[in-house]
Every structure is written in C-alpha cells, then in structure tokens.
Amino acid sequence: MLTESVRRPDEAHSRTTVPAGDYYLGRLNAGQTLRILDLEGNQAADTLFFNAEDSAERYSATDTLREQGNVYLSAGSILRSSRNRPMLEIVADTCGRHDTLGGACASESNTVRYDLEKRCMHSCRDSWMLAIAEHPEYGLHKRDIGHNINFFMNVPVTAEGGLTFEDGISAPGKYVELTALMDVLVLISNCPQLNNPCNGFNPTPVEVLVWDR
C-alpha cells in the first residue's frame, strides 16, 4: 500500500548517507521513526532489527508473515520479533512492496548461485560482520545474524512456490518509514550484489533519516 509521509527531511534528528556496499548501525528508541531513502533507485537495503536491550530477541520473518498473512511488507505491516512481540510499524511507503523471503547475499550463496570465482565478492553478510567488529559497543555477535528484510528488493514468488530475483520496483526518491514500538538496533547493509538485478547491476547509495517523533 502506497502511503506518503508528512515528515520533512530538514526536521530529521539525523541524516546519514550510506554508500553502496557500506553499512549503517544505530539505535532507534521507541517512538522514533526511521526512513530508508532510495536515492538513485533500484537499490536493495538488507536490514536486521534487534531488541536494543537483548539481541537474542530479533526480527522474525516467520512470526511477521504468519501474523499479517502476507509474504510482502508495506505500509501498515507490523514487524514482529522472535518472541512474537511488535518491534516496528511501517508507517509510510512510496515503493509499495518489500521482500522478507529472499535472504541476504553471502560468499557461500554467491558461490552456489553464480560461480566459484564469485566467492570473494563483497556481500551483505560481509558488511554486517564488519559492522559488528567495528562497533562492539552494541553487543552484537555472529550468532545474532538471522532473518532480514530486503527493503526495495523485488523477489516474486512463482506459481510453483519458488523465488526469483527480478529488476527492482523502486525509483529515485522512493522511501519506507518505520516507527519503533520498542527500543531497537538497526543494522543495514546497502547491498553490493552485482550478479543479479536486485540493484540493477549497479549498486548506489541510500540515505537513512531519523526523527524523534
């Protein structure tokens, strides 16, 4: 569902440009709102959410999809935790559909899906692991990496029940906004994938904005 925001960028508490292949890691307190802005279009933002006080509680695709009865996310979706508690609500969305099934690229999946020579290409899992290593103050560890959301990514479900990675449905200036329903940690990999069309074979920056209300 397409829903525009009333929030103004010049009133944001913070604004961070995340280059292609880089990461964003930060805390979002209950009541604050996060916007992920697709600056140039056709870019995937692979995102993880954790309870800021207990990283063992994290975003759960299983609980979220079961409770909402839909495999895609958009305005009105409530993101639920591994303890089936509301974590965030999508309050605005100008893209219309976001994937929560396709997972994130890794050296292993690049190798299996594409070619042995792709093994050393940078991946979203690499970005997450770098973020964890560079910011031990957040208390995240390798074991905390689980289900993620692929904001802006187009992963249709086929009639046979499979998944395909297709050209993105986003465009320059499209965004998604989420309001935190508990204190959360946000970990984003601005996807560097070059082997499928999820980034239009040309990864580009995104911007992360945060409002206090």
N, C-alpha and C. Protein backbone atom coordinates (compact mmCIF):
# COMPACT_ATOMS: atom_id res chain seq x y z
N MET A 1 0.85 -1.19 0.00
CA MET A 1 0.00 0.00 0.00
C MET A 1 0.89 1.24 0.00
N LEU A 2 0.63 2.14 -0.92
CA LEU A 2 1.41 3.37 -1.02
C LEU A 2 0.88 4.41 -0.04
N THR A 3 1.76 4.89 0.82
CA THR A 3 1.40 5.90 1.81
C THR A 3 2.55 6.88 1.95
N GLU A 4 2.29 8.15 1.69
CA GLU A 4 3.35 9.16 1.80
C GLU A 4 3.47 9.66 3.23
N SER A 5 4.65 10.15 3.55
CA SER A 5 4.94 10.64 4.89
C SER A 5 4.68 12.14 4.99
N VAL A 6 4.38 12.59 6.21
CA VAL A 6 4.22 14.02 6.46
C VAL A 6 5.52 14.59 7.04
N ARG A 7 6.52 13.74 7.28
CA ARG A 7 7.77 14.20 7.90
C ARG A 7 8.66 14.90 6.88
N ARG A 8 9.31 15.98 7.35
CA ARG A 8 10.18 16.77 6.49
C ARG A 8 11.64 16.42 6.76
N PRO A 9 12.41 16.18 5.71
CA PRO A 9 13.83 15.84 5.90
C PRO A 9 14.60 16.88 6.70
N ASP A 10 14.27 18.17 6.54
CA ASP A 10 15.02 19.21 7.25
C ASP A 10 14.72 19.23 8.74
N GLU A 11 13.74 18.46 9.18
CA GLU A 11 13.42 18.37 10.59
C GLU A 11 13.92 17.07 11.22
N ALA A 12 14.64 16.27 10.44
CA ALA A 12 15.14 14.99 10.94
C ALA A 12 16.19 15.21 12.02
N HIS A 13 16.19 14.31 12.99
CA HIS A 13 17.19 14.34 14.06
C HIS A 13 18.58 14.03 13.52
N SER A 14 18.65 13.12 12.54
CA SER A 14 19.93 12.77 11.92
C SER A 14 19.70 12.32 10.49
N ARG A 15 20.74 12.51 9.65
CA ARG A 15 20.71 12.08 8.25
C ARG A 15 22.06 11.47 7.92
N THR A 16 22.04 10.26 7.37
CA THR A 16 23.28 9.54 7.07
C THR A 16 23.20 8.95 5.67
N THR A 17 24.16 9.30 4.82
CA THR A 17 24.24 8.68 3.50
C THR A 17 25.09 7.41 3.62
N VAL A 18 24.56 6.31 3.11
CA VAL A 18 25.24 5.02 3.19
C VAL A 18 25.65 4.62 1.77
N PRO A 19 26.94 4.65 1.46
CA PRO A 19 27.38 4.29 0.11
C PRO A 19 27.05 2.84 -0.22
N ALA A 20 27.03 2.53 -1.50
CA ALA A 20 26.81 1.15 -1.93
C ALA A 20 27.88 0.25 -1.33
N GLY A 21 27.45 -0.88 -0.76
CA GLY A 21 28.38 -1.82 -0.17
C GLY A 21 28.78 -1.49 1.25
N ASP A 22 28.28 -0.38 1.80
CA ASP A 22 28.62 0.02 3.17
C ASP A 22 27.47 -0.37 4.11
N TYR A 23 27.61 -0.03 5.39
CA TYR A 23 26.61 -0.42 6.38
C TYR A 23 26.17 0.79 7.20
N TYR A 24 25.04 0.60 7.88
CA TYR A 24 24.55 1.54 8.89
C TYR A 24 24.19 0.73 10.12
N LEU A 25 24.64 1.18 11.28
CA LEU A 25 24.31 0.55 12.55
C LEU A 25 23.98 1.63 13.56
N GLY A 26 22.80 1.56 14.14
CA GLY A 26 22.42 2.58 15.11
C GLY A 26 21.25 2.13 15.96
N ARG A 27 20.97 2.91 16.98
CA ARG A 27 19.87 2.64 17.90
C ARG A 27 18.68 3.51 17.54
N LEU A 28 17.49 2.93 17.61
CA LEU A 28 16.24 3.64 17.38
C LEU A 28 15.38 3.42 18.62
N ASN A 29 15.10 4.49 19.34
CA ASN A 29 14.31 4.36 20.56
C ASN A 29 12.82 4.30 20.24
N ALA A 30 12.07 3.68 21.13
CA ALA A 30 10.62 3.58 20.94
C ALA A 30 10.03 4.96 20.68
N GLY A 31 9.23 5.06 19.64
CA GLY A 31 8.61 6.33 19.26
C GLY A 31 9.36 7.08 18.18
N GLN A 32 10.64 6.77 17.98
CA GLN A 32 11.39 7.40 16.89
C GLN A 32 11.03 6.73 15.56
N THR A 33 11.24 7.47 14.48
CA THR A 33 10.89 6.98 13.15
C THR A 33 12.12 7.01 12.25
N LEU A 34 12.31 5.93 11.53
CA LEU A 34 13.44 5.73 10.62
C LEU A 34 12.93 5.73 9.18
N ARG A 35 13.59 6.48 8.32
CA ARG A 35 13.29 6.43 6.89
C ARG A 35 14.52 5.90 6.15
N ILE A 36 14.31 4.93 5.27
CA ILE A 36 15.34 4.48 4.34
C ILE A 36 14.96 5.01 2.97
N LEU A 37 15.81 5.85 2.41
CA LEU A 37 15.53 6.56 1.16
C LEU A 37 16.40 6.01 0.04
N ASP A 38 15.77 5.56 -1.02
CA ASP A 38 16.47 5.04 -2.20
C ASP A 38 16.84 6.24 -3.08
N LEU A 39 18.07 6.69 -2.97
CA LEU A 39 18.46 7.95 -3.60
C LEU A 39 18.43 7.91 -5.13
N GLU A 40 18.97 6.85 -5.72
CA GLU A 40 19.08 6.79 -7.18
C GLU A 40 18.17 5.75 -7.81
N GLY A 41 17.50 4.96 -6.99
CA GLY A 41 16.55 3.98 -7.49
C GLY A 41 17.14 2.60 -7.71
N ASN A 42 16.27 1.59 -7.58
CA ASN A 42 16.63 0.20 -7.87
C ASN A 42 17.76 -0.31 -6.99
N GLN A 43 17.71 0.04 -5.70
CA GLN A 43 18.74 -0.38 -4.75
C GLN A 43 18.11 -1.16 -3.61
N ALA A 44 18.74 -2.24 -3.20
CA ALA A 44 18.24 -3.06 -2.09
C ALA A 44 18.97 -2.71 -0.80
N ALA A 45 18.21 -2.61 0.29
CA ALA A 45 18.79 -2.34 1.61
C ALA A 45 18.44 -3.52 2.52
N ASP A 46 19.42 -4.38 2.76
CA ASP A 46 19.22 -5.60 3.57
C ASP A 46 19.33 -5.22 5.04
N THR A 47 18.24 -5.42 5.80
CA THR A 47 18.12 -4.82 7.12
C THR A 47 17.77 -5.84 8.19
N LEU A 48 18.45 -5.72 9.34
CA LEU A 48 18.20 -6.53 10.53
C LEU A 48 17.76 -5.63 11.67
N PHE A 49 16.87 -6.13 12.52
CA PHE A 49 16.43 -5.40 13.70
C PHE A 49 16.59 -6.28 14.94
N PHE A 50 17.02 -5.67 16.04
CA PHE A 50 17.22 -6.38 17.30
C PHE A 50 16.62 -5.57 18.45
N ASN A 51 16.13 -6.25 19.47
CA ASN A 51 15.80 -5.59 20.71
C ASN A 51 17.08 -4.97 21.25
N ALA A 52 17.08 -3.67 21.49
CA ALA A 52 18.31 -2.98 21.88
C ALA A 52 18.83 -3.43 23.24
N GLU A 53 17.96 -4.00 24.06
CA GLU A 53 18.36 -4.44 25.39
C GLU A 53 18.69 -5.92 25.45
N ASP A 54 18.31 -6.68 24.43
CA ASP A 54 18.53 -8.13 24.42
C ASP A 54 18.54 -8.60 22.98
N SER A 55 19.74 -8.72 22.41
CA SER A 55 19.84 -9.05 20.97
C SER A 55 19.36 -10.46 20.65
N ALA A 56 19.10 -11.30 21.67
CA ALA A 56 18.52 -12.62 21.42
C ALA A 56 17.10 -12.49 20.87
N GLU A 57 16.47 -11.34 21.11
CA GLU A 57 15.15 -11.06 20.52
C GLU A 57 15.38 -10.21 19.29
N ARG A 58 14.95 -10.70 18.16
CA ARG A 58 15.26 -10.02 16.89
C ARG A 58 14.10 -10.17 15.92
N TYR A 59 14.16 -9.44 14.82
CA TYR A 59 13.12 -9.55 13.79
C TYR A 59 12.96 -10.99 13.35
N SER A 60 11.71 -11.41 13.24
CA SER A 60 11.39 -12.77 12.80
C SER A 60 10.48 -12.72 11.58
N ALA A 61 10.99 -13.20 10.46
CA ALA A 61 10.16 -13.28 9.25
C ALA A 61 8.99 -14.23 9.48
N THR A 62 9.23 -15.34 10.16
CA THR A 62 8.18 -16.34 10.39
C THR A 62 7.01 -15.74 11.15
N ASP A 63 7.29 -15.08 12.27
CA ASP A 63 6.21 -14.51 13.08
C ASP A 63 5.53 -13.36 12.35
N THR A 64 6.31 -12.54 11.66
CA THR A 64 5.74 -11.39 10.95
C THR A 64 4.79 -11.84 9.84
N LEU A 65 5.22 -12.78 9.02
CA LEU A 65 4.38 -13.21 7.90
C LEU A 65 3.16 -13.98 8.37
N ARG A 66 3.32 -14.80 9.40
CA ARG A 66 2.17 -15.54 9.93
C ARG A 66 1.09 -14.61 10.45
N GLU A 67 1.51 -13.60 11.21
CA GLU A 67 0.53 -12.71 11.85
C GLU A 67 -0.16 -11.79 10.85
N GLN A 68 0.57 -11.37 9.80
CA GLN A 68 -0.06 -10.44 8.85
C GLN A 68 -0.69 -11.16 7.66
N GLY A 69 -0.36 -12.44 7.45
CA GLY A 69 -0.96 -13.21 6.37
C GLY A 69 -0.57 -12.72 5.00
N ASN A 70 0.67 -12.22 4.87
CA ASN A 70 1.15 -11.70 3.59
C ASN A 70 2.66 -11.86 3.55
N VAL A 71 3.19 -12.30 2.39
CA VAL A 71 4.63 -12.52 2.29
C VAL A 71 5.41 -11.24 2.00
N TYR A 72 4.71 -10.14 1.69
CA TYR A 72 5.38 -8.88 1.43
C TYR A 72 5.05 -7.87 2.52
N LEU A 73 5.90 -6.88 2.66
CA LEU A 73 5.72 -5.83 3.65
C LEU A 73 5.41 -4.50 2.97
N SER A 74 4.56 -3.70 3.60
CA SER A 74 4.26 -2.36 3.10
C SER A 74 3.65 -1.56 4.25
N ALA A 75 3.14 -0.39 3.94
CA ALA A 75 2.55 0.46 4.98
C ALA A 75 1.47 -0.31 5.75
N GLY A 76 1.53 -0.22 7.06
CA GLY A 76 0.60 -0.95 7.91
C GLY A 76 1.16 -2.25 8.45
N SER A 77 2.23 -2.76 7.86
CA SER A 77 2.84 -4.00 8.35
C SER A 77 3.47 -3.77 9.72
N ILE A 78 3.27 -4.73 10.60
CA ILE A 78 3.91 -4.72 11.92
C ILE A 78 5.02 -5.76 11.88
N LEU A 79 6.25 -5.31 12.11
CA LEU A 79 7.37 -6.24 12.16
C LEU A 79 7.43 -6.84 13.55
N ARG A 80 7.43 -8.18 13.61
CA ARG A 80 7.36 -8.87 14.89
C ARG A 80 8.68 -9.56 15.21
N SER A 81 8.91 -9.76 16.49
CA SER A 81 10.16 -10.33 16.95
C SER A 81 10.08 -11.84 17.07
N SER A 82 11.22 -12.44 17.38
CA SER A 82 11.28 -13.89 17.59
C SER A 82 10.50 -14.32 18.82
N ARG A 83 10.05 -13.37 19.63
CA ARG A 83 9.16 -13.65 20.75
C ARG A 83 7.73 -13.21 20.44
N ASN A 84 7.49 -12.97 19.14
CA ASN A 84 6.18 -12.57 18.62
C ASN A 84 5.66 -11.29 19.25
N ARG A 85 6.59 -10.36 19.49
CA ARG A 85 6.20 -9.04 20.00
C ARG A 85 6.38 -8.00 18.91
N PRO A 86 5.51 -6.97 18.87
CA PRO A 86 5.67 -5.91 17.88
C PRO A 86 6.97 -5.15 18.09
N MET A 87 7.75 -5.00 17.02
CA MET A 87 9.01 -4.26 17.09
C MET A 87 8.92 -2.91 16.42
N LEU A 88 8.40 -2.89 15.20
CA LEU A 88 8.28 -1.66 14.42
C LEU A 88 7.03 -1.74 13.55
N GLU A 89 6.53 -0.57 13.16
CA GLU A 89 5.42 -0.49 12.22
C GLU A 89 5.85 0.33 11.01
N ILE A 90 5.56 -0.18 9.81
CA ILE A 90 5.80 0.60 8.60
C ILE A 90 4.67 1.63 8.49
N VAL A 91 5.03 2.89 8.63
CA VAL A 91 4.02 3.95 8.69
C VAL A 91 3.92 4.74 7.39
N ALA A 92 4.91 4.61 6.52
CA ALA A 92 4.87 5.27 5.21
C ALA A 92 5.68 4.43 4.24
N ASP A 93 5.23 4.41 2.98
CA ASP A 93 5.91 3.59 1.98
C ASP A 93 5.52 4.09 0.60
N THR A 94 6.48 4.58 -0.16
CA THR A 94 6.18 5.03 -1.52
C THR A 94 6.68 4.04 -2.57
N CYS A 95 7.20 2.91 -2.12
CA CYS A 95 7.62 1.85 -3.04
C CYS A 95 6.49 0.84 -3.23
N GLY A 96 5.91 0.39 -2.12
CA GLY A 96 4.71 -0.44 -2.21
C GLY A 96 4.88 -1.90 -1.83
N ARG A 97 6.11 -2.42 -1.87
CA ARG A 97 6.28 -3.84 -1.55
C ARG A 97 7.75 -4.10 -1.23
N HIS A 98 7.98 -4.86 -0.15
CA HIS A 98 9.34 -5.17 0.27
C HIS A 98 9.46 -6.65 0.60
N ASP A 99 10.60 -7.22 0.28
CA ASP A 99 10.81 -8.66 0.39
C ASP A 99 11.31 -9.06 1.77
N THR A 100 10.79 -10.16 2.29
CA THR A 100 11.29 -10.70 3.54
C THR A 100 11.54 -12.20 3.45
N LEU A 101 11.70 -12.70 2.20
CA LEU A 101 11.94 -14.12 1.98
C LEU A 101 13.30 -14.41 1.35
N GLY A 102 13.82 -13.49 0.56
CA GLY A 102 14.99 -13.78 -0.28
C GLY A 102 16.31 -13.87 0.45
N GLY A 103 16.36 -13.44 1.71
CA GLY A 103 17.61 -13.51 2.45
C GLY A 103 18.65 -12.51 1.95
N ALA A 104 19.87 -12.70 2.40
CA ALA A 104 20.95 -11.76 2.08
C ALA A 104 22.08 -12.50 1.36
N CYS A 105 22.80 -11.77 0.52
CA CYS A 105 23.91 -12.38 -0.19
C CYS A 105 25.07 -12.64 0.77
N ALA A 106 25.81 -13.70 0.50
CA ALA A 106 26.98 -14.10 1.28
C ALA A 106 27.95 -14.76 0.32
N SER A 107 29.18 -14.93 0.75
CA SER A 107 30.16 -15.58 -0.13
C SER A 107 29.70 -16.97 -0.52
N GLU A 108 29.07 -17.67 0.42
CA GLU A 108 28.61 -19.03 0.13
C GLU A 108 27.50 -19.04 -0.91
N SER A 109 26.50 -18.16 -0.75
CA SER A 109 25.40 -18.15 -1.72
C SER A 109 25.85 -17.62 -3.07
N ASN A 110 26.77 -16.66 -3.08
CA ASN A 110 27.31 -16.19 -4.37
C ASN A 110 27.99 -17.33 -5.11
N THR A 111 28.70 -18.17 -4.37
CA THR A 111 29.40 -19.30 -4.98
C THR A 111 28.42 -20.31 -5.54
N VAL A 112 27.40 -20.66 -4.74
CA VAL A 112 26.43 -21.67 -5.16
C VAL A 112 25.57 -21.18 -6.31
N ARG A 113 25.12 -19.93 -6.24
CA ARG A 113 24.19 -19.42 -7.24
C ARG A 113 24.86 -19.03 -8.55
N TYR A 114 26.10 -18.54 -8.46
CA TYR A 114 26.69 -17.90 -9.63
C TYR A 114 27.95 -18.60 -10.14
N ASP A 115 29.00 -18.66 -9.36
CA ASP A 115 30.24 -19.27 -9.84
C ASP A 115 31.25 -19.28 -8.70
N LEU A 116 32.18 -20.22 -8.75
CA LEU A 116 33.22 -20.29 -7.74
C LEU A 116 34.02 -19.01 -7.67
N GLU A 117 34.23 -18.37 -8.82
CA GLU A 117 35.04 -17.14 -8.84
C GLU A 117 34.33 -15.97 -8.16
N LYS A 118 33.03 -16.10 -7.88
CA LYS A 118 32.29 -15.03 -7.21
C LYS A 118 32.44 -15.09 -5.69
N ARG A 119 33.11 -16.11 -5.18
CA ARG A 119 33.18 -16.33 -3.75
C ARG A 119 33.74 -15.14 -2.99
N CYS A 120 34.71 -14.47 -3.53
CA CYS A 120 35.37 -13.37 -2.81
C CYS A 120 34.74 -12.01 -3.05
N MET A 121 33.64 -11.97 -3.79
CA MET A 121 32.97 -10.69 -3.99
C MET A 121 32.32 -10.22 -2.68
N HIS A 122 32.31 -8.92 -2.47
CA HIS A 122 31.73 -8.35 -1.25
C HIS A 122 30.25 -8.69 -1.17
N SER A 123 29.77 -8.94 0.04
CA SER A 123 28.38 -9.35 0.24
C SER A 123 27.77 -8.63 1.44
N CYS A 124 26.44 -8.77 1.56
CA CYS A 124 25.76 -8.15 2.71
C CYS A 124 26.23 -8.75 4.02
N ARG A 125 26.43 -10.05 4.04
CA ARG A 125 26.91 -10.66 5.28
C ARG A 125 28.29 -10.10 5.67
N ASP A 126 29.15 -9.84 4.68
CA ASP A 126 30.44 -9.20 4.97
C ASP A 126 30.23 -7.85 5.65
N SER A 127 29.29 -7.06 5.13
CA SER A 127 29.03 -5.73 5.70
C SER A 127 28.53 -5.83 7.13
N TRP A 128 27.62 -6.78 7.38
CA TRP A 128 27.12 -6.95 8.74
C TRP A 128 28.24 -7.35 9.70
N MET A 129 29.09 -8.28 9.26
CA MET A 129 30.17 -8.74 10.13
C MET A 129 31.17 -7.63 10.40
N LEU A 130 31.41 -6.78 9.40
CA LEU A 130 32.29 -5.63 9.60
C LEU A 130 31.69 -4.66 10.60
N ALA A 131 30.39 -4.41 10.49
CA ALA A 131 29.72 -3.50 11.43
C ALA A 131 29.83 -4.02 12.86
N ILE A 132 29.61 -5.30 13.04
CA ILE A 132 29.70 -5.90 14.37
C ILE A 132 31.12 -5.77 14.92
N ALA A 133 32.11 -6.02 14.06
CA ALA A 133 33.51 -5.97 14.50
C ALA A 133 33.93 -4.54 14.85
N GLU A 134 33.45 -3.56 14.09
CA GLU A 134 33.86 -2.18 14.30
C GLU A 134 33.09 -1.48 15.42
N HIS A 135 31.97 -2.09 15.85
CA HIS A 135 31.14 -1.46 16.88
C HIS A 135 30.77 -2.46 17.97
N PRO A 136 31.78 -2.90 18.75
CA PRO A 136 31.48 -3.87 19.81
C PRO A 136 30.57 -3.31 20.90
N GLU A 137 30.43 -1.98 20.94
CA GLU A 137 29.61 -1.37 21.99
C GLU A 137 28.13 -1.77 21.88
N TYR A 138 27.71 -2.25 20.72
CA TYR A 138 26.32 -2.66 20.57
C TYR A 138 26.08 -4.09 21.04
N GLY A 139 27.14 -4.83 21.30
CA GLY A 139 26.99 -6.17 21.85
C GLY A 139 26.46 -7.21 20.89
N LEU A 140 26.60 -6.99 19.59
CA LEU A 140 26.13 -7.96 18.60
C LEU A 140 27.25 -8.93 18.24
N HIS A 141 26.86 -10.15 17.90
CA HIS A 141 27.82 -11.19 17.56
C HIS A 141 27.36 -11.94 16.32
N LYS A 142 28.24 -12.74 15.79
CA LYS A 142 27.95 -13.51 14.58
C LYS A 142 26.67 -14.33 14.72
N ARG A 143 26.45 -14.88 15.90
CA ARG A 143 25.26 -15.72 16.11
C ARG A 143 23.96 -14.92 16.04
N ASP A 144 24.06 -13.59 16.11
CA ASP A 144 22.86 -12.76 16.08
C ASP A 144 22.32 -12.53 14.67
N ILE A 145 23.11 -12.85 13.66
CA ILE A 145 22.66 -12.63 12.28
C ILE A 145 21.60 -13.66 11.92
N GLY A 146 20.39 -13.19 11.63
CA GLY A 146 19.28 -14.09 11.31
C GLY A 146 18.46 -13.57 10.15
N HIS A 147 17.14 -13.61 10.30
CA HIS A 147 16.24 -13.15 9.25
C HIS A 147 16.48 -11.68 8.94
N ASN A 148 16.39 -11.31 7.70
CA ASN A 148 16.50 -9.89 7.32
C ASN A 148 15.37 -9.50 6.39
N ILE A 149 15.18 -8.21 6.27
CA ILE A 149 14.24 -7.64 5.30
C ILE A 149 15.04 -7.01 4.18
N ASN A 150 14.60 -7.23 2.95
CA ASN A 150 15.22 -6.60 1.79
C ASN A 150 14.33 -5.44 1.33
N PHE A 151 14.55 -4.28 1.91
CA PHE A 151 13.74 -3.14 1.51
C PHE A 151 14.06 -2.77 0.06
N PHE A 152 13.01 -2.50 -0.70
CA PHE A 152 13.03 -2.12 -2.12
C PHE A 152 13.31 -3.30 -3.05
N MET A 153 13.61 -4.48 -2.54
CA MET A 153 14.01 -5.59 -3.39
C MET A 153 12.78 -6.32 -3.93
N ASN A 154 12.85 -6.74 -5.19
CA ASN A 154 11.74 -7.40 -5.88
C ASN A 154 12.05 -8.89 -6.00
N VAL A 155 11.37 -9.69 -5.17
CA VAL A 155 11.56 -11.14 -5.18
C VAL A 155 10.18 -11.80 -5.33
N PRO A 156 9.69 -11.94 -6.57
CA PRO A 156 8.38 -12.56 -6.78
C PRO A 156 8.38 -14.03 -6.38
N VAL A 157 7.22 -14.49 -5.92
CA VAL A 157 7.00 -15.91 -5.65
C VAL A 157 6.37 -16.52 -6.89
N THR A 158 6.98 -17.56 -7.42
CA THR A 158 6.47 -18.18 -8.65
C THR A 158 5.25 -19.05 -8.35
N ALA A 159 4.55 -19.45 -9.40
CA ALA A 159 3.38 -20.32 -9.26
C ALA A 159 3.75 -21.66 -8.63
N GLU A 160 5.00 -22.07 -8.80
CA GLU A 160 5.46 -23.34 -8.24
C GLU A 160 5.93 -23.19 -6.79
N GLY A 161 5.91 -21.97 -6.27
CA GLY A 161 6.33 -21.74 -4.90
C GLY A 161 7.80 -21.38 -4.74
N GLY A 162 8.49 -21.14 -5.84
CA GLY A 162 9.89 -20.74 -5.78
C GLY A 162 10.03 -19.22 -5.72
N LEU A 163 11.27 -18.76 -5.65
CA LEU A 163 11.57 -17.34 -5.61
C LEU A 163 12.47 -16.97 -6.77
N THR A 164 12.28 -15.77 -7.31
CA THR A 164 13.17 -15.26 -8.36
C THR A 164 13.62 -13.85 -7.98
N PHE A 165 14.83 -13.50 -8.37
CA PHE A 165 15.36 -12.15 -8.14
C PHE A 165 15.17 -11.36 -9.42
N GLU A 166 14.33 -10.34 -9.36
CA GLU A 166 13.96 -9.58 -10.55
C GLU A 166 14.40 -8.12 -10.42
N ASP A 167 14.26 -7.42 -11.54
CA ASP A 167 14.57 -5.99 -11.56
C ASP A 167 13.74 -5.27 -10.51
N GLY A 168 14.34 -4.31 -9.84
CA GLY A 168 13.67 -3.62 -8.74
C GLY A 168 12.45 -2.84 -9.16
N ILE A 169 11.56 -2.58 -8.20
CA ILE A 169 10.35 -1.80 -8.47
C ILE A 169 10.43 -0.42 -7.84
N SER A 170 11.60 -0.10 -7.27
CA SER A 170 11.79 1.22 -6.68
C SER A 170 12.24 2.21 -7.75
N ALA A 171 12.44 3.44 -7.32
CA ALA A 171 12.88 4.51 -8.22
C ALA A 171 13.52 5.60 -7.38
N PRO A 172 14.25 6.54 -8.00
CA PRO A 172 14.88 7.61 -7.23
C PRO A 172 13.87 8.36 -6.35
N GLY A 173 14.21 8.49 -5.07
CA GLY A 173 13.35 9.21 -4.15
C GLY A 173 12.31 8.38 -3.43
N LYS A 174 12.19 7.10 -3.78
CA LYS A 174 11.25 6.23 -3.07
C LYS A 174 11.79 5.96 -1.66
N TYR A 175 10.90 5.74 -0.72
CA TYR A 175 11.33 5.53 0.66
C TYR A 175 10.35 4.64 1.41
N VAL A 176 10.83 4.14 2.55
CA VAL A 176 9.99 3.42 3.51
C VAL A 176 10.30 3.99 4.88
N GLU A 177 9.27 4.16 5.71
CA GLU A 177 9.43 4.69 7.06
C GLU A 177 8.88 3.72 8.08
N LEU A 178 9.63 3.57 9.18
CA LEU A 178 9.21 2.67 10.24
C LEU A 178 9.30 3.38 11.58
N THR A 179 8.27 3.23 12.40
CA THR A 179 8.28 3.77 13.75
C THR A 179 8.55 2.63 14.73
N ALA A 180 9.51 2.85 15.63
CA ALA A 180 9.89 1.82 16.59
C ALA A 180 8.83 1.69 17.68
N LEU A 181 8.45 0.45 17.97
CA LEU A 181 7.49 0.16 19.02
C LEU A 181 8.19 -0.34 20.29
N MET A 182 9.49 -0.55 20.18
CA MET A 182 10.37 -0.84 21.32
C MET A 182 11.73 -0.27 20.96
N ASP A 183 12.63 -0.19 21.89
CA ASP A 183 14.00 0.24 21.58
C ASP A 183 14.68 -0.83 20.73
N VAL A 184 15.17 -0.45 19.57
CA VAL A 184 15.76 -1.44 18.66
C VAL A 184 17.13 -0.98 18.16
N LEU A 185 17.92 -1.95 17.75
CA LEU A 185 19.13 -1.71 16.97
C LEU A 185 18.80 -1.97 15.51
N VAL A 186 19.30 -1.10 14.65
CA VAL A 186 19.07 -1.22 13.21
C VAL A 186 20.42 -1.47 12.53
N LEU A 187 20.50 -2.56 11.79
CA LEU A 187 21.73 -2.90 11.07
C LEU A 187 21.39 -3.08 9.60
N ILE A 188 21.91 -2.18 8.76
CA ILE A 188 21.60 -2.17 7.33
C ILE A 188 22.87 -2.47 6.53
N SER A 189 22.77 -3.36 5.58
CA SER A 189 23.79 -3.50 4.55
C SER A 189 23.22 -2.92 3.27
N ASN A 190 23.85 -1.88 2.75
CA ASN A 190 23.42 -1.34 1.46
C ASN A 190 24.02 -2.25 0.39
N CYS A 191 23.19 -3.12 -0.13
CA CYS A 191 23.61 -4.32 -0.86
C CYS A 191 24.60 -4.05 -2.00
N PRO A 192 25.73 -4.80 -2.03
CA PRO A 192 26.72 -4.63 -3.09
C PRO A 192 26.57 -5.63 -4.24
N GLN A 193 25.46 -6.40 -4.24
CA GLN A 193 25.32 -7.51 -5.19
C GLN A 193 25.37 -7.05 -6.66
N LEU A 194 26.22 -7.71 -7.44
CA LEU A 194 26.39 -7.40 -8.86
C LEU A 194 25.96 -8.54 -9.78
N ASN A 195 25.55 -9.67 -9.19
CA ASN A 195 25.30 -10.86 -10.00
C ASN A 195 23.84 -11.10 -10.33
N ASN A 196 22.94 -10.31 -9.75
CA ASN A 196 21.52 -10.40 -10.13
C ASN A 196 20.95 -8.99 -10.18
N PRO A 197 19.76 -8.82 -10.73
CA PRO A 197 19.26 -7.45 -10.98
C PRO A 197 18.67 -6.73 -9.78
N CYS A 198 18.88 -7.25 -8.56
CA CYS A 198 18.24 -6.60 -7.40
C CYS A 198 18.71 -5.17 -7.21
N ASN A 199 19.92 -4.83 -7.68
CA ASN A 199 20.43 -3.46 -7.65
C ASN A 199 20.59 -2.88 -9.05
N GLY A 200 19.93 -3.49 -10.02
CA GLY A 200 20.10 -3.04 -11.40
C GLY A 200 21.53 -3.21 -11.90
N PHE A 201 22.27 -4.16 -11.30
CA PHE A 201 23.68 -4.42 -11.63
C PHE A 201 24.55 -3.18 -11.43
N ASN A 202 24.05 -2.25 -10.61
CA ASN A 202 24.79 -1.00 -10.37
C ASN A 202 24.42 -0.48 -8.99
N PRO A 203 25.02 -1.02 -7.91
CA PRO A 203 24.68 -0.58 -6.56
C PRO A 203 24.91 0.91 -6.36
N THR A 204 24.00 1.55 -5.63
CA THR A 204 24.02 3.00 -5.42
C THR A 204 23.72 3.34 -3.96
N PRO A 205 23.94 4.58 -3.53
CA PRO A 205 23.75 4.93 -2.11
C PRO A 205 22.28 4.97 -1.70
N VAL A 206 22.08 4.84 -0.39
CA VAL A 206 20.79 5.14 0.23
C VAL A 206 21.03 6.16 1.33
N GLU A 207 19.97 6.79 1.80
CA GLU A 207 20.08 7.71 2.93
C GLU A 207 19.19 7.21 4.06
N VAL A 208 19.69 7.32 5.28
CA VAL A 208 18.94 6.93 6.47
C VAL A 208 18.65 8.20 7.28
N LEU A 209 17.37 8.45 7.53
CA LEU A 209 16.95 9.62 8.30
C LEU A 209 16.22 9.15 9.55
N VAL A 210 16.38 9.87 10.65
CA VAL A 210 15.71 9.53 11.90
C VAL A 210 15.04 10.78 12.47
N TRP A 211 13.77 10.62 12.84
CA TRP A 211 13.02 11.68 13.53
C TRP A 211 12.71 11.22 14.95
N ASP A 212 12.63 12.17 15.87
CA ASP A 212 12.32 11.83 17.24
C ASP A 212 10.84 11.48 17.43
N ARG A 213 10.01 11.90 16.48
CA ARG A 213 8.58 11.55 16.57
C ARG A 213 7.97 11.61 15.18
